[in-house]
PDB file of all heavy atoms in Angstrom:
ATOM      1  N   MET A   1     168.895 116.109  81.000  1.00  0.00           N
ATOM      2  CA  MET A   1     168.849 116.027  79.539  1.00  0.00           C
ATOM      3  C   MET A   1     170.138 115.427  78.993  1.00  0.00           C
ATOM      4  O   MET A   1     170.121 114.608  78.065  1.00  0.00           O
ATOM      5  CB  MET A   1     168.618 117.430  78.956  1.00  0.00           C
ATOM      6  CG  MET A   1     168.651 117.490  77.432  1.00  0.00           C
ATOM      7  SD  MET A   1     167.353 116.532  76.629  1.00  0.00           S
ATOM      8  CE  MET A   1     165.923 117.532  77.033  1.00  0.00           C
ATOM      9  N   SER A   2     171.266 115.832  79.579  1.00  0.00           N
ATOM     10  CA  SER A   2     172.542 115.291  79.132  1.00  0.00           C
ATOM     11  C   SER A   2     172.718 113.828  79.531  1.00  0.00           C
ATOM     12  O   SER A   2     173.087 112.988  78.712  1.00  0.00           O
ATOM     13  CB  SER A   2     173.682 116.142  79.700  1.00  0.00           C
ATOM     14  OG  SER A   2     174.936 115.586  79.382  1.00  0.00           O
ATOM     15  N   GLY A   3     172.454 113.522  80.815  1.00  0.00           N
ATOM     16  CA  GLY A   3     172.746 112.178  81.304  1.00  0.00           C
ATOM     17  C   GLY A   3     171.736 111.131  80.912  1.00  0.00           C
ATOM     18  O   GLY A   3     172.097 109.972  80.670  1.00  0.00           O
ATOM     19  N   ARG A   4     170.460 111.499  80.812  1.00  0.00           N
ATOM     20  CA  ARG A   4     169.413 110.509  80.573  1.00  0.00           C
ATOM     21  C   ARG A   4     169.015 110.385  79.106  1.00  0.00           C
ATOM     22  O   ARG A   4     168.406 109.383  78.724  1.00  0.00           O
ATOM     23  CB  ARG A   4     168.178 110.838  81.416  1.00  0.00           C
ATOM     24  CG  ARG A   4     168.434 110.808  82.914  1.00  0.00           C
ATOM     25  CD  ARG A   4     167.170 111.124  83.693  1.00  0.00           C
ATOM     26  NE  ARG A   4     167.430 111.136  85.135  1.00  0.00           N
ATOM     27  CZ  ARG A   4     167.409 110.051  85.898  1.00  0.00           C
ATOM     28  NH1 ARG A   4     167.138 108.868  85.362  1.00  0.00           N
ATOM     29  NH2 ARG A   4     167.646 110.148  87.205  1.00  0.00           N
ATOM     30  N   ILE A   5     169.323 111.402  78.288  1.00  0.00           N
ATOM     31  CA  ILE A   5     168.904 111.349  76.879  1.00  0.00           C
ATOM     32  C   ILE A   5     170.101 111.448  75.934  1.00  0.00           C
ATOM     33  O   ILE A   5     170.306 110.576  75.084  1.00  0.00           O
ATOM     34  CB  ILE A   5     167.883 112.473  76.577  1.00  0.00           C
ATOM     35  CG1 ILE A   5     166.596 112.223  77.358  1.00  0.00           C
ATOM     36  CG2 ILE A   5     167.579 112.545  75.081  1.00  0.00           C
ATOM     37  CD1 ILE A   5     165.513 113.272  77.123  1.00  0.00           C
ATOM     38  N   LEU A   6     170.911 112.504  76.066  1.00  0.00           N
ATOM     39  CA  LEU A   6     171.959 112.744  75.077  1.00  0.00           C
ATOM     40  C   LEU A   6     173.076 111.709  75.148  1.00  0.00           C
ATOM     41  O   LEU A   6     173.555 111.245  74.102  1.00  0.00           O
ATOM     42  CB  LEU A   6     172.535 114.156  75.256  1.00  0.00           C
ATOM     43  CG  LEU A   6     171.560 115.317  75.060  1.00  0.00           C
ATOM     44  CD1 LEU A   6     172.321 116.630  75.006  1.00  0.00           C
ATOM     45  CD2 LEU A   6     170.729 115.132  73.803  1.00  0.00           C
ATOM     46  N   VAL A   7     173.528 111.356  76.348  1.00  0.00           N
ATOM     47  CA  VAL A   7     174.625 110.377  76.453  1.00  0.00           C
ATOM     48  C   VAL A   7     174.220 109.014  75.902  1.00  0.00           C
ATOM     49  O   VAL A   7     174.948 108.436  75.078  1.00  0.00           O
ATOM     50  CB  VAL A   7     175.105 110.277  77.917  1.00  0.00           C
ATOM     51  CG1 VAL A   7     176.081 109.113  78.059  1.00  0.00           C
ATOM     52  CG2 VAL A   7     175.779 111.582  78.344  1.00  0.00           C
ATOM     53  N   PRO A   8     173.079 108.423  76.296  1.00  0.00           N
ATOM     54  CA  PRO A   8     172.689 107.148  75.666  1.00  0.00           C
ATOM     55  C   PRO A   8     172.497 107.263  74.157  1.00  0.00           C
ATOM     56  O   PRO A   8     172.808 106.328  73.421  1.00  0.00           O
ATOM     57  CB  PRO A   8     171.364 106.796  76.369  1.00  0.00           C
ATOM     58  CG  PRO A   8     171.388 107.558  77.647  1.00  0.00           C
ATOM     59  CD  PRO A   8     172.134 108.809  77.365  1.00  0.00           C
ATOM     60  N   TYR A   9     171.992 108.416  73.723  1.00  0.00           N
ATOM     61  CA  TYR A   9     171.776 108.603  72.289  1.00  0.00           C
ATOM     62  C   TYR A   9     173.097 108.635  71.527  1.00  0.00           C
ATOM     63  O   TYR A   9     173.228 108.012  70.464  1.00  0.00           O
ATOM     64  CB  TYR A   9     170.997 109.898  72.064  1.00  0.00           C
ATOM     65  CG  TYR A   9     170.650 110.173  70.629  1.00  0.00           C
ATOM     66  CD1 TYR A   9     169.853 109.293  69.893  1.00  0.00           C
ATOM     67  CD2 TYR A   9     171.110 111.317  69.986  1.00  0.00           C
ATOM     68  CE1 TYR A   9     169.530 109.547  68.581  1.00  0.00           C
ATOM     69  CE2 TYR A   9     170.786 111.587  68.671  1.00  0.00           C
ATOM     70  CZ  TYR A   9     169.992 110.695  67.967  1.00  0.00           C
ATOM     71  OH  TYR A   9     169.672 110.943  66.653  1.00  0.00           O
ATOM     72  N   GLN A  10     174.098 109.333  72.060  1.00  0.00           N
ATOM     73  CA  GLN A  10     175.398 109.390  71.389  1.00  0.00           C
ATOM     74  C   GLN A  10     176.058 108.013  71.349  1.00  0.00           C
ATOM     75  O   GLN A  10     176.706 107.657  70.356  1.00  0.00           O
ATOM     76  CB  GLN A  10     176.303 110.393  72.107  1.00  0.00           C
ATOM     77  CG  GLN A  10     175.831 111.842  72.003  1.00  0.00           C
ATOM     78  CD  GLN A  10     176.716 112.795  72.775  1.00  0.00           C
ATOM     79  OE1 GLN A  10     177.825 113.126  72.344  1.00  0.00           O
ATOM     80  NE2 GLN A  10     176.237 113.240  73.935  1.00  0.00           N
ATOM     81  N   ARG A  11     175.921 107.236  72.409  1.00  0.00           N
ATOM     82  CA  ARG A  11     176.491 105.885  72.411  1.00  0.00           C
ATOM     83  C   ARG A  11     175.850 105.020  71.335  1.00  0.00           C
ATOM     84  O   ARG A  11     176.533 104.252  70.645  1.00  0.00           O
ATOM     85  CB  ARG A  11     176.307 105.250  73.779  1.00  0.00           C
ATOM     86  CG  ARG A  11     177.176 105.856  74.872  1.00  0.00           C
ATOM     87  CD  ARG A  11     176.827 105.269  76.230  1.00  0.00           C
ATOM     88  NE  ARG A  11     177.657 105.849  77.294  1.00  0.00           N
ATOM     89  CZ  ARG A  11     177.444 105.659  78.594  1.00  0.00           C
ATOM     90  NH1 ARG A  11     176.414 104.888  78.987  1.00  0.00           N
ATOM     91  NH2 ARG A  11     178.226 106.211  79.490  1.00  0.00           N
ATOM     92  N   SER A  12     174.543 105.139  71.178  1.00  0.00           N
ATOM     93  CA  SER A  12     173.873 104.339  70.159  1.00  0.00           C
ATOM     94  C   SER A  12     174.239 104.792  68.749  1.00  0.00           C
ATOM     95  O   SER A  12     174.286 103.981  67.820  1.00  0.00           O
ATOM     96  CB  SER A  12     172.353 104.422  70.360  1.00  0.00           C
ATOM     97  OG  SER A  12     171.897 105.759  70.209  1.00  0.00           O
ATOM     98  N   LEU A  13     174.503 106.093  68.581  1.00  0.00           N
ATOM     99  CA  LEU A  13     174.888 106.581  67.257  1.00  0.00           C
ATOM    100  C   LEU A  13     176.200 105.969  66.784  1.00  0.00           C
ATOM    101  O   LEU A  13     176.351 105.610  65.609  1.00  0.00           O
ATOM    102  CB  LEU A  13     175.001 108.112  67.273  1.00  0.00           C
ATOM    103  CG  LEU A  13     173.702 108.925  67.358  1.00  0.00           C
ATOM    104  CD1 LEU A  13     174.025 110.407  67.480  1.00  0.00           C
ATOM    105  CD2 LEU A  13     172.831 108.675  66.142  1.00  0.00           C
ATOM    106  N   THR A  14     177.155 105.846  67.683  1.00  0.00           N
ATOM    107  CA  THR A  14     178.478 105.343  67.290  1.00  0.00           C
ATOM    108  C   THR A  14     178.458 103.884  66.873  1.00  0.00           C
ATOM    109  O   THR A  14     179.402 103.410  66.226  1.00  0.00           O
ATOM    110  CB  THR A  14     179.472 105.529  68.450  1.00  0.00           C
ATOM    111  OG1 THR A  14     178.964 104.856  69.616  1.00  0.00           O
ATOM    112  CG2 THR A  14     179.658 107.005  68.765  1.00  0.00           C
ATOM    113  N   THR A  15     177.418 103.155  67.223  1.00  0.00           N
ATOM    114  CA  THR A  15     177.352 101.737  66.878  1.00  0.00           C
ATOM    115  C   THR A  15     176.439 101.448  65.688  1.00  0.00           C
ATOM    116  O   THR A  15     176.457 100.330  65.167  1.00  0.00           O
ATOM    117  CB  THR A  15     176.850 100.920  68.077  1.00  0.00           C
ATOM    118  OG1 THR A  15     175.561 101.399  68.473  1.00  0.00           O
ATOM    119  CG2 THR A  15     177.815 101.045  69.244  1.00  0.00           C
ATOM    120  N   THR A  16     175.651 102.427  65.267  1.00  0.00           N
ATOM    121  CA  THR A  16     174.670 102.166  64.206  1.00  0.00           C
ATOM    122  C   THR A  16     174.796 103.069  62.990  1.00  0.00           C
ATOM    123  O   THR A  16     174.208 102.777  61.948  1.00  0.00           O
ATOM    124  CB  THR A  16     173.243 102.312  64.763  1.00  0.00           C
ATOM    125  OG1 THR A  16     173.085 103.619  65.314  1.00  0.00           O
ATOM    126  CG2 THR A  16     172.966 101.267  65.830  1.00  0.00           C
ATOM    127  N   VAL A  17     175.534 104.168  63.086  1.00  0.00           N
ATOM    128  CA  VAL A  17     175.623 105.140  61.997  1.00  0.00           C
ATOM    129  C   VAL A  17     177.026 105.092  61.408  1.00  0.00           C
ATOM    130  O   VAL A  17     178.025 105.075  62.141  1.00  0.00           O
ATOM    131  CB  VAL A  17     175.291 106.562  62.499  1.00  0.00           C
ATOM    132  CG1 VAL A  17     175.368 107.561  61.350  1.00  0.00           C
ATOM    133  CG2 VAL A  17     173.907 106.592  63.128  1.00  0.00           C
ATOM    134  N   ASN A  18     177.114 105.084  60.084  1.00  0.00           N
ATOM    135  CA  ASN A  18     178.392 104.975  59.384  1.00  0.00           C
ATOM    136  C   ASN A  18     179.013 106.348  59.114  1.00  0.00           C
ATOM    137  O   ASN A  18     178.313 107.360  59.046  1.00  0.00           O
ATOM    138  CB  ASN A  18     178.200 104.259  58.042  1.00  0.00           C
ATOM    139  CG  ASN A  18     177.625 102.874  58.212  1.00  0.00           C
ATOM    140  OD1 ASN A  18     177.833 102.219  59.228  1.00  0.00           O
ATOM    141  ND2 ASN A  18     176.875 102.420  57.208  1.00  0.00           N
ATOM    142  N   ASP A  19     180.334 106.346  58.930  1.00  0.00           N
ATOM    143  CA  ASP A  19     181.106 107.503  58.449  1.00  0.00           C
ATOM    144  C   ASP A  19     180.993 108.727  59.362  1.00  0.00           C
ATOM    145  O   ASP A  19     180.961 109.868  58.903  1.00  0.00           O
ATOM    146  CB  ASP A  19     180.679 107.900  57.026  1.00  0.00           C
ATOM    147  CG  ASP A  19     180.912 106.793  56.025  1.00  0.00           C
ATOM    148  OD1 ASP A  19     181.916 106.071  56.175  1.00  0.00           O
ATOM    149  OD2 ASP A  19     180.081 106.633  55.105  1.00  0.00           O
ATOM    150  N   ILE A  20     180.954 108.507  60.677  1.00  0.00           N
ATOM    151  CA  ILE A  20     180.921 109.644  61.606  1.00  0.00           C
ATOM    152  C   ILE A  20     182.327 110.206  61.780  1.00  0.00           C
ATOM    153  O   ILE A  20     183.278 109.465  62.037  1.00  0.00           O
ATOM    154  CB  ILE A  20     180.340 109.224  62.972  1.00  0.00           C
ATOM    155  CG1 ILE A  20     178.867 108.832  62.828  1.00  0.00           C
ATOM    156  CG2 ILE A  20     180.486 110.343  63.993  1.00  0.00           C
ATOM    157  CD1 ILE A  20     178.235 108.375  64.127  1.00  0.00           C
ATOM    158  N   GLU A  21     182.450 111.521  61.643  1.00  0.00           N
ATOM    159  CA  GLU A  21     183.742 112.180  61.867  1.00  0.00           C
ATOM    160  C   GLU A  21     183.877 112.606  63.322  1.00  0.00           C
ATOM    161  O   GLU A  21     184.881 112.333  63.948  1.00  0.00           O
ATOM    162  CB  GLU A  21     183.868 113.384  60.932  1.00  0.00           C
ATOM    163  CG  GLU A  21     185.295 113.896  60.753  1.00  0.00           C
ATOM    164  CD  GLU A  21     185.658 114.933  61.798  1.00  0.00           C
ATOM    165  OE1 GLU A  21     184.757 115.624  62.302  1.00  0.00           O
ATOM    166  OE2 GLU A  21     186.855 115.043  62.122  1.00  0.00           O
ATOM    167  N   HIS A  22     182.872 113.284  63.855  1.00  0.00           N
ATOM    168  CA  HIS A  22     182.810 113.563  65.283  1.00  0.00           C
ATOM    169  C   HIS A  22     181.385 113.989  65.632  1.00  0.00           C
ATOM    170  O   HIS A  22     180.570 114.290  64.747  1.00  0.00           O
ATOM    171  CB  HIS A  22     183.826 114.625  65.720  1.00  0.00           C
ATOM    172  CG  HIS A  22     183.471 116.026  65.320  1.00  0.00           C
ATOM    173  ND1 HIS A  22     183.710 116.530  64.055  1.00  0.00           N
ATOM    174  CD2 HIS A  22     182.876 117.034  66.019  1.00  0.00           C
ATOM    175  CE1 HIS A  22     183.297 117.776  63.988  1.00  0.00           C
ATOM    176  NE2 HIS A  22     182.780 118.110  65.168  1.00  0.00           N
ATOM    177  N   ILE A  23     181.085 114.000  66.924  1.00  0.00           N
ATOM    178  CA  ILE A  23     179.751 114.329  67.421  1.00  0.00           C
ATOM    179  C   ILE A  23     179.867 115.459  68.430  1.00  0.00           C
ATOM    180  O   ILE A  23     180.760 115.449  69.281  1.00  0.00           O
ATOM    181  CB  ILE A  23     179.063 113.104  68.079  1.00  0.00           C
ATOM    182  CG1 ILE A  23     178.913 111.967  67.071  1.00  0.00           C
ATOM    183  CG2 ILE A  23     177.698 113.477  68.646  1.00  0.00           C
ATOM    184  CD1 ILE A  23     178.344 110.700  67.676  1.00  0.00           C
ATOM    185  N   GLU A  24     178.980 116.429  68.328  1.00  0.00           N
ATOM    186  CA  GLU A  24     178.900 117.527  69.289  1.00  0.00           C
ATOM    187  C   GLU A  24     177.512 117.521  69.913  1.00  0.00           C
ATOM    188  O   GLU A  24     176.515 117.254  69.233  1.00  0.00           O
ATOM    189  CB  GLU A  24     179.147 118.880  68.607  1.00  0.00           C
ATOM    190  CG  GLU A  24     180.546 119.038  68.026  1.00  0.00           C
ATOM    191  CD  GLU A  24     180.744 120.385  67.362  1.00  0.00           C
ATOM    192  OE1 GLU A  24     179.790 121.191  67.397  1.00  0.00           O
ATOM    193  OE2 GLU A  24     181.829 120.625  66.806  1.00  0.00           O
ATOM    194  N   ALA A  25     177.449 117.784  71.224  1.00  0.00           N
ATOM    195  CA  ALA A  25     176.169 117.790  71.928  1.00  0.00           C
ATOM    196  C   ALA A  25     176.105 118.973  72.876  1.00  0.00           C
ATOM    197  O   ALA A  25     177.106 119.325  73.514  1.00  0.00           O
ATOM    198  CB  ALA A  25     175.970 116.481  72.698  1.00  0.00           C
ATOM    199  N   ASN A  26     174.938 119.587  72.945  1.00  0.00           N
ATOM    200  CA  ASN A  26     174.681 120.695  73.861  1.00  0.00           C
ATOM    201  C   ASN A  26     173.362 120.433  74.574  1.00  0.00           C
ATOM    202  O   ASN A  26     172.364 120.079  73.928  1.00  0.00           O
ATOM    203  CB  ASN A  26     174.594 122.029  73.115  1.00  0.00           C
ATOM    204  CG  ASN A  26     175.908 122.398  72.457  1.00  0.00           C
ATOM    205  OD1 ASN A  26     176.928 122.499  73.118  1.00  0.00           O
ATOM    206  ND2 ASN A  26     175.881 122.607  71.146  1.00  0.00           N
ATOM    207  N   SER A  27     173.369 120.570  75.888  1.00  0.00           N
ATOM    208  CA  SER A  27     172.153 120.351  76.667  1.00  0.00           C
ATOM    209  C   SER A  27     171.748 121.634  77.360  1.00  0.00           C
ATOM    210  O   SER A  27     172.580 122.335  77.939  1.00  0.00           O
ATOM    211  CB  SER A  27     172.367 119.234  77.700  1.00  0.00           C
ATOM    212  OG  SER A  27     173.419 119.562  78.584  1.00  0.00           O
ATOM    213  N   LEU A  28     170.462 121.948  77.273  1.00  0.00           N
ATOM    214  CA  LEU A  28     169.868 123.109  77.906  1.00  0.00           C
ATOM    215  C   LEU A  28     168.634 122.638  78.671  1.00  0.00           C
ATOM    216  O   LEU A  28     168.186 121.505  78.475  1.00  0.00           O
ATOM    217  CB  LEU A  28     169.483 124.160  76.861  1.00  0.00           C
ATOM    218  CG  LEU A  28     170.616 124.704  75.976  1.00  0.00           C
ATOM    219  CD1 LEU A  28     170.038 125.524  74.832  1.00  0.00           C
ATOM    220  CD2 LEU A  28     171.577 125.538  76.795  1.00  0.00           C
ATOM    221  N   PRO A  29     168.078 123.451  79.544  1.00  0.00           N
ATOM    222  CA  PRO A  29     166.851 123.033  80.230  1.00  0.00           C
ATOM    223  C   PRO A  29     165.732 122.729  79.236  1.00  0.00           C
ATOM    224  O   PRO A  29     165.235 123.608  78.536  1.00  0.00           O
ATOM    225  CB  PRO A  29     166.508 124.240  81.108  1.00  0.00           C
ATOM    226  CG  PRO A  29     167.821 124.910  81.353  1.00  0.00           C
ATOM    227  CD  PRO A  29     168.603 124.725  80.095  1.00  0.00           C
ATOM    228  N   GLY A  30     165.349 121.472  79.165  1.00  0.00           N
ATOM    229  CA  GLY A  30     164.265 121.050  78.285  1.00  0.00           C
ATOM    230  C   GLY A  30     164.647 120.828  76.846  1.00  0.00           C
ATOM    231  O   GLY A  30     163.815 120.374  76.047  1.00  0.00           O
ATOM    232  N   ILE A  31     165.887 121.112  76.464  1.00  0.00           N
ATOM    233  CA  ILE A  31     166.308 120.996  75.054  1.00  0.00           C
ATOM    234  C   ILE A  31     167.685 120.347  75.001  1.00  0.00           C
ATOM    235  O   ILE A  31     168.572 120.679  75.800  1.00  0.00           O
ATOM    236  CB  ILE A  31     166.358 122.371  74.365  1.00  0.00           C
ATOM    237  CG1 ILE A  31     164.973 123.030  74.359  1.00  0.00           C
ATOM    238  CG2 ILE A  31     166.857 122.235  72.930  1.00  0.00           C
ATOM    239  CD1 ILE A  31     164.973 124.426  73.813  1.00  0.00           C
ATOM    240  N   GLY A  32     167.869 119.434  74.061  1.00  0.00           N
ATOM    241  CA  GLY A  32     169.172 118.822  73.807  1.00  0.00           C
ATOM    242  C   GLY A  32     169.442 118.761  72.315  1.00  0.00           C
ATOM    243  O   GLY A  32     168.590 118.319  71.536  1.00  0.00           O
ATOM    244  N   ILE A  33     170.610 119.240  71.894  1.00  0.00           N
ATOM    245  CA  ILE A  33     170.983 119.266  70.475  1.00  0.00           C
ATOM    246  C   ILE A  33     172.204 118.372  70.276  1.00  0.00           C
ATOM    247  O   ILE A  33     173.228 118.545  70.946  1.00  0.00           O
ATOM    248  CB  ILE A  33     171.309 120.696  69.993  1.00  0.00           C
ATOM    249  CG1 ILE A  33     170.152 121.649  70.317  1.00  0.00           C
ATOM    250  CG2 ILE A  33     171.602 120.687  68.503  1.00  0.00           C
ATOM    251  CD1 ILE A  33     168.889 121.353  69.594  1.00  0.00           C
ATOM    252  N   VAL A  34     172.092 117.435  69.360  1.00  0.00           N
ATOM    253  CA  VAL A  34     173.206 116.554  69.006  1.00  0.00           C
ATOM    254  C   VAL A  34     173.526 116.776  67.530  1.00  0.00           C
ATOM    255  O   VAL A  34     172.666 116.579  66.665  1.00  0.00           O
ATOM    256  CB  VAL A  34     172.871 115.072  69.259  1.00  0.00           C
ATOM    257  CG1 VAL A  34     174.020 114.180  68.807  1.00  0.00           C
ATOM    258  CG2 VAL A  34     172.571 114.843  70.737  1.00  0.00           C
ATOM    259  N   LYS A  35     174.764 117.204  67.246  1.00  0.00           N
ATOM    260  CA  LYS A  35     175.213 117.421  65.867  1.00  0.00           C
ATOM    261  C   LYS A  35     176.178 116.303  65.478  1.00  0.00           C
ATOM    262  O   LYS A  35     177.181 116.091  66.166  1.00  0.00           O
ATOM    263  CB  LYS A  35     175.897 118.775  65.718  1.00  0.00           C
ATOM    264  CG  LYS A  35     174.989 119.965  65.958  1.00  0.00           C
ATOM    265  CD  LYS A  35     175.754 121.271  65.776  1.00  0.00           C
ATOM    266  CE  LYS A  35     174.870 122.473  66.039  1.00  0.00           C
ATOM    267  NZ  LYS A  35     175.621 123.746  65.895  1.00  0.00           N
TER     268      LYS A  35
END
């Protein structure tokens, strides 16, 4: 969940979303939360 979904997702966020202060991510079995 972390390596195949959350990491690519966070990389794409930094290039397409404005005014980001910081990003937090938590991965659990079957669930991934990106704040």
